[in-house]
Amino acid sequence: MKIRTVIVDDEFNARRALANMLEFYCNEVELVGEAQSVEEAHALIDKEKPDLILLDIVLGNATGFDLLKKLRNMDFKLIFVTAHDEYALRAIKMSALDYLLKPVKPKELIGAITRVAEALEKEDKIRMKVETLITNTKEQGGEKKIIVNTMSSIFVLEVKSIIRCESDENYTFIFLENQDRIMVARTLKDFEEMLTGFGFFRVHQSHLINLNQVSSFEKGSGGHVVLKDGRKIPVSTRRKEQFMKALTNV
């Protein structure tokens, strides 16, 4: 995800220096505009709705605080860029907002941008979870979804897209219709509790399947279910009768 960013500073050279450092050191940033006054910044922010504003304190005869008073929506992250204005800097620190002292050093800029990226990622995950919750609590309509976390990503999966889940001790592999496979650090029992009632059945200690993905059932050799992707999954003897009943109710 790119962090859509606006620079607000009344000095052209200061804006250029900051823009160049962002381009060179911060690949996650997309600079969407620059402004040199409160009026220009106000119009630019309303138009672009950035994720992040790099805001100078002194803007000609006005200040960055004057700009903030004009903005109705504060749906962005804010990093102040300031010279040594002790009064303003103390107010910023007391408000727990991030700041960079001029002249801006690359290491400090990278650190500030990294903190913004982490905060935005957390917000995206929370927003995703809430949206999924709303979808799943609708009385009618809407496909049921689950959220799964891996070491590197968070996935929102439509339940109907899951072909099967396979246990690997304390991990579970989720197999999807698009042939992707996702490994999650949760047990198969967790997914059994989550998906039972939505057309899933645990046919074996190591296998949970989507009954809507069943192609056929082979009775020989202890019994195997054949899924639509061609995969054969063993059905344990003690679960066979219950599985057949579940299959007829799909």
Protein backbone atom coordinates (compact mmCIF):
# COMPACT_ATOMS: atom_id res chain seq x y z
CA MET A 1 0.00 0.00 0.00
CA LYS A 2 1.35 3.43 -0.97
CA ILE A 3 1.13 6.24 1.59
CA ARG A 4 -0.43 9.15 -0.31
CA THR A 5 1.42 12.18 1.01
CA VAL A 6 1.19 15.99 0.86
CA ILE A 7 4.02 18.38 1.78
CA VAL A 8 3.05 21.78 3.19
CA ASP A 9 5.93 24.26 3.53
CA ASP A 10 6.28 27.90 2.47
CA GLU A 11 9.92 27.41 1.38
CA PHE A 12 10.43 25.94 -2.11
CA ASN A 13 13.90 24.55 -1.32
CA ALA A 14 12.61 22.88 1.84
CA ARG A 15 9.78 21.21 -0.11
CA ARG A 16 12.19 20.01 -2.82
CA ALA A 17 14.67 18.63 -0.30
CA LEU A 18 11.94 16.72 1.52
CA ALA A 19 10.41 15.43 -1.72
CA ASN A 20 13.81 14.21 -2.91
CA MET A 21 14.47 12.38 0.35
CA LEU A 22 11.06 10.72 0.21
CA GLU A 23 11.72 9.55 -3.34
CA PHE A 24 15.18 8.23 -2.50
CA TYR A 25 14.60 6.66 0.93
CA CYS A 26 10.86 5.94 1.26
CA ASN A 27 9.50 3.74 -1.54
CA GLU A 28 6.21 3.30 0.30
CA VAL A 29 5.39 7.00 -0.11
CA GLU A 30 3.51 8.49 -3.08
CA LEU A 31 3.79 12.30 -3.16
CA VAL A 32 0.43 13.58 -4.43
CA GLY A 33 0.97 17.32 -3.99
CA GLU A 34 2.75 20.28 -2.43
CA ALA A 35 1.45 23.55 -1.00
CA GLN A 36 3.10 26.71 0.28
CA SER A 37 0.23 28.40 2.13
CA VAL A 38 -2.74 27.60 4.34
CA GLU A 39 -5.17 28.32 1.49
CA GLU A 40 -3.32 26.15 -1.04
CA ALA A 41 -2.95 23.32 1.48
CA HIS A 42 -6.62 23.44 2.44
CA ALA A 43 -7.72 23.07 -1.20
CA LEU A 44 -5.12 20.37 -1.92
CA ILE A 45 -6.05 18.27 1.11
CA ASP A 46 -9.77 18.50 0.30
CA LYS A 47 -9.04 17.33 -3.25
CA GLU A 48 -6.47 14.58 -2.65
CA LYS A 49 -7.55 13.28 0.79
CA PRO A 50 -4.01 12.14 1.64
CA ASP A 51 -2.96 9.48 4.13
CA LEU A 52 -0.16 11.68 5.47
CA ILE A 53 0.61 15.41 5.71
CA LEU A 54 4.15 16.66 6.29
CA LEU A 55 3.37 20.06 7.77
CA ASP A 56 5.69 23.00 8.44
CA ILE A 57 4.76 25.13 11.42
CA VAL A 58 5.56 28.54 9.91
CA LEU A 59 3.64 29.24 6.68
CA GLY A 60 4.35 32.87 5.82
CA ASN A 61 2.16 34.98 8.10
CA ALA A 62 0.19 31.92 9.21
CA THR A 63 0.99 28.59 10.87
CA GLY A 64 0.32 24.91 10.40
CA PHE A 65 -2.02 25.15 13.36
CA ASP A 66 -4.16 27.63 11.39
CA LEU A 67 -4.47 25.03 8.65
CA LEU A 68 -5.56 22.32 11.10
CA LYS A 69 -8.28 24.59 12.48
CA LYS A 70 -9.74 24.93 8.96
CA LEU A 71 -9.89 21.20 8.21
CA ARG A 72 -13.19 19.50 8.96
CA ASN A 73 -12.00 15.93 8.48
CA MET A 74 -8.83 14.75 10.19
CA ASP A 75 -8.66 11.36 8.45
CA PHE A 76 -4.89 11.46 7.94
CA LYS A 77 -1.60 11.02 9.75
CA LEU A 78 0.39 14.12 10.61
CA ILE A 79 4.12 14.77 10.91
CA PHE A 80 5.24 18.30 11.76
CA VAL A 81 8.41 19.59 10.13
CA THR A 82 9.83 22.44 12.20
CA ALA A 83 12.82 24.56 13.07
CA HIS A 84 13.57 25.28 16.71
CA ASP A 85 10.33 26.90 17.82
CA GLU A 86 10.40 25.84 21.47
CA TYR A 87 6.80 26.78 22.27
CA ALA A 88 5.36 25.00 19.23
CA LEU A 89 7.65 22.00 19.67
CA ARG A 90 6.60 21.60 23.29
CA ALA A 91 2.92 21.64 22.25
CA ILE A 92 3.59 18.98 19.61
CA LYS A 93 5.41 16.75 22.08
CA MET A 94 2.65 17.12 24.66
CA SER A 95 0.10 16.08 22.01
CA ALA A 96 2.15 12.93 21.24
CA LEU A 97 2.37 13.86 17.55
CA ASP A 98 5.39 13.00 15.44
CA TYR A 99 7.78 15.72 14.30
CA LEU A 100 11.00 16.25 12.35
CA LEU A 101 13.49 19.02 13.09
CA LYS A 102 14.94 21.01 10.20
CA PRO A 103 17.24 20.31 8.51
CA VAL A 104 15.57 16.91 8.18
CA LYS A 105 17.89 13.93 8.48
CA PRO A 106 17.20 10.86 6.31
CA LYS A 107 17.35 8.43 9.25
CA GLU A 108 14.74 10.41 11.20
CA LEU A 109 12.51 10.73 8.13
CA ILE A 110 12.66 6.98 7.50
CA GLY A 111 11.75 6.30 11.15
CA ALA A 112 8.77 8.64 11.04
CA ILE A 113 7.46 7.18 7.77
CA THR A 114 7.88 3.64 9.13
CA ARG A 115 5.74 4.52 12.16
CA VAL A 116 3.06 5.94 9.88
CA ALA A 117 3.09 2.81 7.70
CA GLU A 118 2.70 0.55 10.74
CA ALA A 119 -0.18 2.63 12.09
CA LEU A 120 -1.99 2.61 8.73
CA GLU A 121 -1.55 -1.15 8.43
CA LYS A 122 -3.12 -1.68 11.86
CA GLU A 123 -6.04 0.56 10.92
CA ASP A 124 -6.56 -1.34 7.66
CA LYS A 125 -6.66 -4.64 9.55
CA ILE A 126 -9.19 -3.32 12.06
CA ARG A 127 -11.33 -1.85 9.26
CA MET A 128 -11.17 -5.16 7.38
CA LYS A 129 -12.21 -7.12 10.45
CA VAL A 130 -15.14 -4.80 11.18
CA GLU A 131 -16.34 -4.93 7.56
CA THR A 132 -16.18 -8.74 7.66
CA LEU A 133 -18.09 -8.78 10.95
CA ILE A 134 -20.84 -6.61 9.43
CA THR A 135 -21.07 -8.89 6.39
CA ASN A 136 -21.32 -12.01 8.54
CA THR A 137 -24.00 -10.60 10.83
CA LYS A 138 -26.39 -9.65 8.03
CA GLU A 139 -29.58 -11.68 8.39
CA GLN A 140 -29.96 -12.23 4.66
CA GLY A 141 -27.77 -11.87 1.62
CA GLY A 142 -24.04 -11.43 1.42
CA GLU A 143 -21.47 -14.20 1.24
CA LYS A 144 -20.01 -15.37 4.53
CA LYS A 145 -16.33 -14.51 4.97
CA ILE A 146 -13.51 -15.36 7.33
CA ILE A 147 -10.28 -13.52 8.09
CA VAL A 148 -7.03 -15.47 8.37
CA ASN A 149 -3.60 -14.16 9.30
CA THR A 150 -0.29 -15.48 8.01
CA MET A 151 3.22 -14.37 8.93
CA SER A 152 3.20 -11.79 6.13
CA SER A 153 -0.42 -11.05 5.20
CA ILE A 154 -4.05 -10.89 6.24
CA PHE A 155 -6.64 -12.54 3.98
CA VAL A 156 -10.39 -12.09 3.73
CA LEU A 157 -11.78 -15.32 2.26
CA GLU A 158 -15.26 -16.08 1.05
CA VAL A 159 -16.30 -19.30 2.75
CA LYS A 160 -17.59 -20.77 -0.52
CA SER A 161 -14.12 -20.36 -2.10
CA ILE A 162 -12.52 -22.74 0.42
CA ILE A 163 -12.25 -26.29 -0.93
CA ARG A 164 -10.74 -27.91 2.14
CA CYS A 165 -8.51 -27.45 5.17
CA GLU A 166 -5.72 -29.84 6.08
CA SER A 167 -4.02 -30.18 9.44
CA ASP A 168 -0.25 -30.06 9.97
CA GLU A 169 0.05 -30.29 13.77
CA ASN A 170 -0.52 -26.72 15.06
CA TYR A 171 -0.81 -25.32 11.52
CA THR A 172 -3.57 -25.57 8.94
CA PHE A 173 -3.31 -25.42 5.16
CA ILE A 174 -6.32 -23.80 3.46
CA PHE A 175 -6.88 -24.81 -0.17
CA LEU A 176 -8.85 -22.39 -2.37
CA GLU A 177 -10.73 -22.62 -5.66
CA ASN A 178 -8.13 -20.44 -7.39
CA GLN A 179 -5.55 -23.13 -6.48
CA ASP A 180 -3.86 -20.94 -3.86
CA ARG A 181 -2.76 -22.54 -0.61
CA ILE A 182 -2.50 -20.55 2.61
CA MET A 183 -0.71 -21.74 5.75
CA VAL A 184 -2.15 -20.43 9.02
CA ALA A 185 -0.84 -20.86 12.57
CA ARG A 186 -4.16 -22.20 13.88
CA THR A 187 -5.35 -25.74 14.48
CA LEU A 188 -7.84 -27.59 12.29
CA LYS A 189 -10.18 -27.69 15.28
CA ASP A 190 -10.35 -23.87 15.17
CA PHE A 191 -11.52 -23.97 11.56
CA GLU A 192 -13.91 -26.85 12.26
CA GLU A 193 -15.62 -24.71 14.94
CA MET A 194 -15.63 -21.71 12.63
CA LEU A 195 -16.96 -23.40 9.48
CA THR A 196 -19.27 -26.14 10.75
CA GLY A 197 -22.77 -24.92 9.97
CA PHE A 198 -21.60 -23.41 6.68
CA GLY A 199 -21.42 -26.65 4.69
CA PHE A 200 -18.14 -28.03 6.05
CA PHE A 201 -17.53 -31.46 7.56
CA ARG A 202 -14.48 -32.99 9.22
CA VAL A 203 -14.17 -36.32 7.45
CA HIS A 204 -10.86 -37.27 9.02
CA GLN A 205 -8.60 -36.19 11.88
CA SER A 206 -6.51 -34.25 9.37
CA HIS A 207 -9.15 -33.08 6.88
CA LEU A 208 -12.06 -30.62 6.89
CA ILE A 209 -13.88 -30.38 3.56
CA ASN A 210 -16.46 -28.15 1.90
CA LEU A 211 -19.41 -30.45 1.16
CA ASN A 212 -20.34 -28.28 -1.82
CA GLN A 213 -17.00 -29.22 -3.36
CA VAL A 214 -17.67 -32.98 -3.26
CA SER A 215 -17.73 -34.73 -6.64
CA SER A 216 -18.19 -38.36 -5.52
CA PHE A 217 -17.62 -40.87 -2.73
CA GLU A 218 -15.63 -44.05 -3.31
CA LYS A 219 -16.69 -46.80 -0.93
CA GLY A 220 -13.71 -49.11 -1.42
CA SER A 221 -10.41 -49.10 0.46
CA GLY A 222 -11.87 -47.61 3.62
CA GLY A 223 -13.72 -44.85 1.78
CA HIS A 224 -12.51 -41.72 -0.01
CA VAL A 225 -14.29 -38.55 -0.97
CA VAL A 226 -13.35 -37.11 -4.36
CA LEU A 227 -13.45 -33.33 -4.55
CA LYS A 228 -14.14 -31.22 -7.64
CA ASP A 229 -10.45 -30.40 -7.96
CA GLY A 230 -9.72 -34.13 -8.27
CA ARG A 231 -8.20 -34.52 -4.83
CA LYS A 232 -9.04 -37.74 -2.93
CA ILE A 233 -9.53 -37.33 0.84
CA PRO A 234 -9.81 -40.29 3.23
CA VAL A 235 -12.98 -40.62 5.31
CA SER A 236 -12.43 -42.24 8.70
CA THR A 237 -14.58 -45.26 9.46
CA ARG A 238 -16.17 -43.73 12.55
CA ARG A 239 -17.15 -40.57 10.66
CA LYS A 240 -18.49 -42.26 7.52
CA GLU A 241 -22.14 -42.62 8.54
CA GLN A 242 -22.35 -39.05 9.85
CA PHE A 243 -20.62 -37.79 6.70
CA MET A 244 -23.18 -39.50 4.45
CA LYS A 245 -26.02 -37.87 6.38
CA ALA A 246 -24.34 -34.47 6.14
CA LEU A 247 -23.81 -34.95 2.41
CA THR A 248 -27.52 -35.61 1.76
CA ASN A 249 -28.45 -32.38 3.58
CA VAL A 250 -26.26 -30.07 1.44
